[in-house]
Every structure is written in C-alpha cells, then in structure tokens.
Amino acid sequence: MVDNDLIRLFLPIITAGLTAAGYAGVIVKQSNQPTQQGVPTAPTVFFSKVGDHRYGFLQRSDEWDEDEELMVHTEVQAYETTFQISALALQDPADTSLYTASDLVNEVAAIMQSDATRETLKAGGVYILRVQDVTNPYFVDDGDNFEAMPSFDFILSHKQTRVSAVPVVESTEFNIDAV
C-alpha cells in the first residue's frame, strides 16, 4: 500500500467526521503544497506524512502457478506509517463563538480513534495503531499576532506487497569439469 492509498482511506473519514460533528466549511488538505498559496483564511486542517517504519522482517513466499506455468514470488513487508494532523483557525478575540484550531485537532483525534474509523480502515487492510497526544504550540503570524498550531501524530499499520514472476527453466546443460 502506497502513500496515496492511505490518504484515500483516511481523508474522506476526516472530512465526513468534521461535517457530522458540526464543523462545516473546514478545509482538509495536505500541508507543504507544491505551490505557495498564502495563509488560508478559512479554518483548515492539514495533514502531512512524517515517515515510515518497516516492522519486523520481510516475508518471502513462492507458489507455483499451474495455469501460467511459472513461479510467483511474493514479498510482504509490514509498515507503520506516521501522519501528522495540524490545524489553523484564525481567532478574533471579540468573537468567542468561533472554534479554535485546538478544537479542530482534538475533534480529528477523536474521529481517528473512533470505532467507525477502525472498521473503515480495517476494510481497506489498514489498522490504526496509535493516536498520540495533542500539542498546542504558538507562533507569531504575519500580522504579529500569536496563533496556535496544535498537532498530533497518528500511526497506521499496513502491509506493502511486491509480486514478481520467476520464469520456468527451459533447458539445462550439464558439464563435468576438472578442478
């Protein structure tokens, strides 16, 4: 399973979960876009891949395919892939009815550890291994205001499979050579 397969699994879960929880109009997109578009004005949840951890040893197996008359070689590697969720929601101190970036991140954390999410991911051959704690650091934005950029990591467990065909030996040549 490659990165885009994983994203296609969890992105609709997050988007639908936020809408169902009453966070309509929240944009969910990958951070570090290939083009710089500026700071979003709408509340935005970002995701980014942190890394992969190969877990255990490579599993190898060979099976004879009678129909094709060839050996099928399969290699399976267990992976733990870490993604990070963060959010940006510009605050207006005069309007306390607005939700914060931390509200968004905590809601996504709850969505990612829900039973419905586990079942949906499981149907796709992916398992949620861990949802980590939410951190809430602040930074000074381009308007000299303090903004929160909360985040958390979640780890997905999945397998990556490589299959190759080994052709049949057509002929052999036997030689006895002096040593």
C-alpha atoms as a PDB file:
ATOM      1  CA  MET A   1       0.000   0.000   0.000  1.00  0.00           C
ATOM      2  CA  VAL A   2       1.472   3.328  -1.048  1.00  0.00           C
ATOM      3  CA  ASP A   3       1.019   6.787   0.485  1.00  0.00           C
ATOM      4  CA  ASN A   4      -1.820   7.884  -1.797  1.00  0.00           C
ATOM      5  CA  ASP A   5      -3.745   4.681  -0.997  1.00  0.00           C
ATOM      6  CA  LEU A   6      -3.511   5.525   2.700  1.00  0.00           C
ATOM      7  CA  ILE A   7      -4.563   9.137   2.100  1.00  0.00           C
ATOM      8  CA  ARG A   8      -7.547   7.991   0.004  1.00  0.00           C
ATOM      9  CA  LEU A   9      -8.643   5.922   3.006  1.00  0.00           C
ATOM     10  CA  PHE A  10      -8.349   8.450   5.841  1.00  0.00           C
ATOM     11  CA  LEU A  11      -9.083  11.769   4.090  1.00  0.00           C
ATOM     12  CA  PRO A  12     -12.822  11.097   3.490  1.00  0.00           C
ATOM     13  CA  ILE A  13     -13.119   9.808   7.064  1.00  0.00           C
ATOM     14  CA  ILE A  14     -11.769  13.079   8.482  1.00  0.00           C
ATOM     15  CA  THR A  15     -13.825  15.279   6.131  1.00  0.00           C
ATOM     16  CA  ALA A  16     -17.095  13.443   6.814  1.00  0.00           C
ATOM     17  CA  GLY A  17     -16.385  13.276  10.550  1.00  0.00           C
ATOM     18  CA  LEU A  18     -15.815  17.023  10.832  1.00  0.00           C
ATOM     19  CA  THR A  19     -19.014  17.754   8.902  1.00  0.00           C
ATOM     20  CA  ALA A  20     -21.013  15.321  11.066  1.00  0.00           C
ATOM     21  CA  ALA A  21     -19.638  16.977  14.223  1.00  0.00           C
ATOM     22  CA  GLY A  22     -20.826  20.412  13.073  1.00  0.00           C
ATOM     23  CA  TYR A  23     -17.557  21.771  11.712  1.00  0.00           C
ATOM     24  CA  ALA A  24     -18.969  22.626   8.285  1.00  0.00           C
ATOM     25  CA  GLY A  25     -16.774  24.556   5.891  1.00  0.00           C
ATOM     26  CA  VAL A  26     -13.483  23.306   7.323  1.00  0.00           C
ATOM     27  CA  ILE A  27     -10.923  22.648   4.603  1.00  0.00           C
ATOM     28  CA  VAL A  28      -8.852  19.468   4.911  1.00  0.00           C
ATOM     29  CA  LYS A  29      -5.703  19.369   2.786  1.00  0.00           C
ATOM     30  CA  GLN A  30      -2.125  18.235   2.672  1.00  0.00           C
ATOM     31  CA  SER A  31       0.341  20.694   4.122  1.00  0.00           C
ATOM     32  CA  ASN A  32       3.514  21.555   2.242  1.00  0.00           C
ATOM     33  CA  GLN A  33       1.739  22.025  -1.078  1.00  0.00           C
ATOM     34  CA  PRO A  34       3.944  22.224  -4.181  1.00  0.00           C
ATOM     35  CA  THR A  35       2.925  25.866  -4.680  1.00  0.00           C
ATOM     36  CA  GLN A  36       2.783  28.618  -2.082  1.00  0.00           C
ATOM     37  CA  GLN A  37      -0.782  29.939  -1.800  1.00  0.00           C
ATOM     38  CA  GLY A  38      -0.536  32.030   1.371  1.00  0.00           C
ATOM     39  CA  VAL A  39      -2.243  31.536   4.717  1.00  0.00           C
ATOM     40  CA  PRO A  40      -5.777  30.141   4.406  1.00  0.00           C
ATOM     41  CA  THR A  41      -8.496  32.412   5.760  1.00  0.00           C
ATOM     42  CA  ALA A  42     -10.976  29.581   6.367  1.00  0.00           C
ATOM     43  CA  PRO A  43     -10.393  27.113   9.229  1.00  0.00           C
ATOM     44  CA  THR A  44      -8.101  24.443   7.806  1.00  0.00           C
ATOM     45  CA  VAL A  45      -6.943  21.022   8.943  1.00  0.00           C
ATOM     46  CA  PHE A  46      -3.618  19.964   7.475  1.00  0.00           C
ATOM     47  CA  PHE A  47      -2.103  16.502   7.221  1.00  0.00           C
ATOM     48  CA  SER A  48       1.430  15.507   6.344  1.00  0.00           C
ATOM     49  CA  LYS A  49       3.385  12.311   6.290  1.00  0.00           C
ATOM     50  CA  VAL A  50       6.087  12.079   8.948  1.00  0.00           C
ATOM     51  CA  GLY A  51       7.680   8.785   7.961  1.00  0.00           C
ATOM     52  CA  ASP A  52       7.635   5.019   7.537  1.00  0.00           C
ATOM     53  CA  HIS A  53       8.951   2.363   9.880  1.00  0.00           C
ATOM     54  CA  ARG A  54       9.471  -1.115   8.447  1.00  0.00           C
ATOM     55  CA  TYR A  55       8.396  -3.503  11.150  1.00  0.00           C
ATOM     56  CA  GLY A  56       9.808  -6.989  11.500  1.00  0.00           C
ATOM     57  CA  PHE A  57      11.400  -8.960   8.699  1.00  0.00           C
ATOM     58  CA  LEU A  58      10.492  -9.270   5.036  1.00  0.00           C
ATOM     59  CA  GLN A  59       8.189 -12.249   4.478  1.00  0.00           C
ATOM     60  CA  ARG A  60       9.024 -14.209   1.329  1.00  0.00           C
ATOM     61  CA  SER A  61       6.997 -16.956  -0.316  1.00  0.00           C
ATOM     62  CA  ASP A  62       6.950 -18.822  -3.627  1.00  0.00           C
ATOM     63  CA  GLU A  63       3.958 -20.535  -5.227  1.00  0.00           C
ATOM     64  CA  TRP A  64       3.720 -22.480  -8.449  1.00  0.00           C
ATOM     65  CA  ASP A  65       1.029 -21.166 -10.808  1.00  0.00           C
ATOM     66  CA  GLU A  66      -0.250 -24.175 -12.772  1.00  0.00           C
ATOM     67  CA  ASP A  67      -2.153 -22.085 -15.334  1.00  0.00           C
ATOM     68  CA  GLU A  68       0.725 -19.797 -16.250  1.00  0.00           C
ATOM     69  CA  GLU A  69       3.429 -22.405 -15.575  1.00  0.00           C
ATOM     70  CA  LEU A  70       5.653 -20.088 -13.607  1.00  0.00           C
ATOM     71  CA  MET A  71       6.752 -19.477 -10.052  1.00  0.00           C
ATOM     72  CA  VAL A  72       5.157 -16.480  -8.334  1.00  0.00           C
ATOM     73  CA  HIS A  73       7.486 -14.851  -5.810  1.00  0.00           C
ATOM     74  CA  THR A  74       5.812 -12.655  -3.160  1.00  0.00           C
ATOM     75  CA  GLU A  75       7.496 -10.340  -0.653  1.00  0.00           C
ATOM     76  CA  VAL A  76       5.435  -8.734   2.126  1.00  0.00           C
ATOM     77  CA  GLN A  77       6.737  -6.061   4.493  1.00  0.00           C
ATOM     78  CA  ALA A  78       4.799  -4.745   7.491  1.00  0.00           C
ATOM     79  CA  TYR A  79       4.883  -0.958   7.797  1.00  0.00           C
ATOM     80  CA  GLU A  80       3.964   1.611  10.388  1.00  0.00           C
ATOM     81  CA  THR A  81       3.342   4.932   8.652  1.00  0.00           C
ATOM     82  CA  THR A  82       3.082   8.097  10.737  1.00  0.00           C
ATOM     83  CA  PHE A  83       0.986  11.073   9.664  1.00  0.00           C
ATOM     84  CA  GLN A  84       0.659  14.394  11.468  1.00  0.00           C
ATOM     85  CA  ILE A  85      -2.538  16.403  11.741  1.00  0.00           C
ATOM     86  CA  SER A  86      -2.397  20.131  12.461  1.00  0.00           C
ATOM     87  CA  ALA A  87      -4.854  22.997  12.068  1.00  0.00           C
ATOM     88  CA  LEU A  88      -5.041  26.719  11.637  1.00  0.00           C
ATOM     89  CA  ALA A  89      -8.137  28.691  12.588  1.00  0.00           C
ATOM     90  CA  LEU A  90      -7.693  32.449  12.784  1.00  0.00           C
ATOM     91  CA  GLN A  91      -9.111  33.845  16.016  1.00  0.00           C
ATOM     92  CA  ASP A  92     -10.975  37.069  16.690  1.00  0.00           C
ATOM     93  CA  PRO A  93     -10.794  37.967  20.408  1.00  0.00           C
ATOM     94  CA  ALA A  94     -14.107  39.829  20.055  1.00  0.00           C
ATOM     95  CA  ASP A  95     -15.922  36.673  18.827  1.00  0.00           C
ATOM     96  CA  THR A  96     -15.724  33.833  21.342  1.00  0.00           C
ATOM     97  CA  SER A  97     -18.208  31.707  19.370  1.00  0.00           C
ATOM     98  CA  LEU A  98     -15.516  30.703  16.877  1.00  0.00           C
ATOM     99  CA  TYR A  99     -13.885  27.324  17.364  1.00  0.00           C
ATOM    100  CA  THR A 100     -10.146  27.195  17.816  1.00  0.00           C
ATOM    101  CA  ALA A 101      -7.507  25.261  15.930  1.00  0.00           C
ATOM    102  CA  SER A 102      -7.174  23.079  19.012  1.00  0.00           C
ATOM    103  CA  ASP A 103     -10.909  22.286  18.830  1.00  0.00           C
ATOM    104  CA  LEU A 104     -10.417  21.064  15.260  1.00  0.00           C
ATOM    105  CA  VAL A 105      -7.357  18.958  16.046  1.00  0.00           C
ATOM    106  CA  ASN A 106      -8.978  17.360  19.084  1.00  0.00           C
ATOM    107  CA  GLU A 107     -12.057  16.531  17.003  1.00  0.00           C
ATOM    108  CA  VAL A 108      -9.906  14.877  14.319  1.00  0.00           C
ATOM    109  CA  ALA A 109      -8.097  12.900  17.056  1.00  0.00           C
ATOM    110  CA  ALA A 110     -11.481  11.677  18.304  1.00  0.00           C
ATOM    111  CA  ILE A 111     -12.534  10.788  14.749  1.00  0.00           C
ATOM    112  CA  MET A 112      -9.326   8.833  14.118  1.00  0.00           C
ATOM    113  CA  GLN A 113      -9.721   6.672  17.227  1.00  0.00           C
ATOM    114  CA  SER A 114     -13.456   6.002  16.799  1.00  0.00           C
ATOM    115  CA  ASP A 115     -14.854   2.526  16.186  1.00  0.00           C
ATOM    116  CA  ALA A 116     -16.304   3.608  12.837  1.00  0.00           C
ATOM    117  CA  THR A 117     -12.864   4.727  11.647  1.00  0.00           C
ATOM    118  CA  ARG A 118     -11.258   1.489  12.804  1.00  0.00           C
ATOM    119  CA  GLU A 119     -13.825  -0.552  10.857  1.00  0.00           C
ATOM    120  CA  THR A 120     -13.471   1.549   7.697  1.00  0.00           C
ATOM    121  CA  LEU A 121      -9.675   1.335   7.763  1.00  0.00           C
ATOM    122  CA  LYS A 122      -9.787  -2.392   8.544  1.00  0.00           C
ATOM    123  CA  ALA A 123     -11.937  -2.981   5.438  1.00  0.00           C
ATOM    124  CA  GLY A 124      -9.117  -1.356   3.443  1.00  0.00           C
ATOM    125  CA  GLY A 125      -6.426  -3.548   5.011  1.00  0.00           C
ATOM    126  CA  VAL A 126      -5.130  -0.775   7.284  1.00  0.00           C
ATOM    127  CA  TYR A 127      -5.176  -0.594  11.070  1.00  0.00           C
ATOM    128  CA  ILE A 128      -4.872   2.457  13.284  1.00  0.00           C
ATOM    129  CA  LEU A 129      -2.088   1.656  15.686  1.00  0.00           C
ATOM    130  CA  ARG A 130      -1.928   4.777  17.810  1.00  0.00           C
ATOM    131  CA  VAL A 131      -3.319   8.307  18.132  1.00  0.00           C
ATOM    132  CA  GLN A 132      -0.828  10.377  20.097  1.00  0.00           C
ATOM    133  CA  ASP A 133      -1.300  13.401  22.362  1.00  0.00           C
ATOM    134  CA  VAL A 134      -2.248  16.810  21.022  1.00  0.00           C
ATOM    135  CA  THR A 135       0.380  19.528  21.447  1.00  0.00           C
ATOM    136  CA  ASN A 136      -0.527  23.210  21.152  1.00  0.00           C
ATOM    137  CA  PRO A 137       2.486  25.448  20.397  1.00  0.00           C
ATOM    138  CA  TYR A 138       2.060  29.102  19.446  1.00  0.00           C
ATOM    139  CA  PHE A 139       3.835  31.135  16.786  1.00  0.00           C
ATOM    140  CA  VAL A 140       3.802  34.766  15.667  1.00  0.00           C
ATOM    141  CA  ASP A 141       1.909  35.070  12.391  1.00  0.00           C
ATOM    142  CA  ASP A 142       2.430  37.528   9.536  1.00  0.00           C
ATOM    143  CA  GLY A 143       0.219  40.095  11.319  1.00  0.00           C
ATOM    144  CA  ASP A 144       2.321  39.987  14.520  1.00  0.00           C
ATOM    145  CA  ASN A 145      -0.407  38.040  16.318  1.00  0.00           C
ATOM    146  CA  PHE A 146       0.030  34.873  18.316  1.00  0.00           C
ATOM    147  CA  GLU A 147      -1.649  31.904  16.632  1.00  0.00           C
ATOM    148  CA  ALA A 148      -1.907  28.343  17.865  1.00  0.00           C
ATOM    149  CA  MET A 149      -0.723  25.499  15.623  1.00  0.00           C
ATOM    150  CA  PRO A 150      -1.855  22.368  17.502  1.00  0.00           C
ATOM    151  CA  SER A 151      -0.955  18.949  16.156  1.00  0.00           C
ATOM    152  CA  PHE A 152      -0.893  15.233  16.851  1.00  0.00           C
ATOM    153  CA  ASP A 153       0.511  12.170  15.137  1.00  0.00           C
ATOM    154  CA  PHE A 154      -1.324   9.006  14.241  1.00  0.00           C
ATOM    155  CA  ILE A 155       0.245   5.755  13.118  1.00  0.00           C
ATOM    156  CA  LEU A 156      -1.260   3.399  10.559  1.00  0.00           C
ATOM    157  CA  SER A 157      -0.210  -0.231  10.333  1.00  0.00           C
ATOM    158  CA  HIS A 158      -0.346  -1.816   6.873  1.00  0.00           C
ATOM    159  CA  LYS A 159       1.497  -4.141   4.534  1.00  0.00           C
ATOM    160  CA  GLN A 160       3.329  -3.478   1.323  1.00  0.00           C
ATOM    161  CA  THR A 161       3.359  -6.389  -1.101  1.00  0.00           C
ATOM    162  CA  ARG A 162       5.632  -6.953  -4.087  1.00  0.00           C
ATOM    163  CA  VAL A 163       4.890  -9.776  -6.518  1.00  0.00           C
ATOM    164  CA  SER A 164       7.164 -10.961  -9.302  1.00  0.00           C
ATOM    165  CA  ALA A 165       7.115 -13.907 -11.670  1.00  0.00           C
ATOM    166  CA  VAL A 166      10.049 -16.255 -11.990  1.00  0.00           C
ATOM    167  CA  PRO A 167      10.180 -17.822 -15.457  1.00  0.00           C
ATOM    168  CA  VAL A 168      10.390 -21.565 -15.963  1.00  0.00           C
ATOM    169  CA  VAL A 169      13.766 -23.126 -16.698  1.00  0.00           C
ATOM    170  CA  GLU A 170      13.537 -24.238 -20.333  1.00  0.00           C
ATOM    171  CA  SER A 171      16.739 -26.244 -20.552  1.00  0.00           C
ATOM    172  CA  THR A 172      19.836 -27.120 -18.593  1.00  0.00           C
ATOM    173  CA  GLU A 173      23.335 -28.028 -19.611  1.00  0.00           C
ATOM    174  CA  PHE A 174      25.331 -30.479 -17.568  1.00  0.00           C
ATOM    175  CA  ASN A 175      29.145 -30.291 -17.601  1.00  0.00           C
ATOM    176  CA  ILE A 176      31.777 -32.158 -15.655  1.00  0.00           C
ATOM    177  CA  ASP A 177      34.913 -30.027 -15.400  1.00  0.00           C
ATOM    178  CA  ALA A 178      38.284 -30.820 -13.876  1.00  0.00           C
ATOM    179  CA  VAL A 179      39.319 -28.800 -10.854  1.00  0.00           C
END
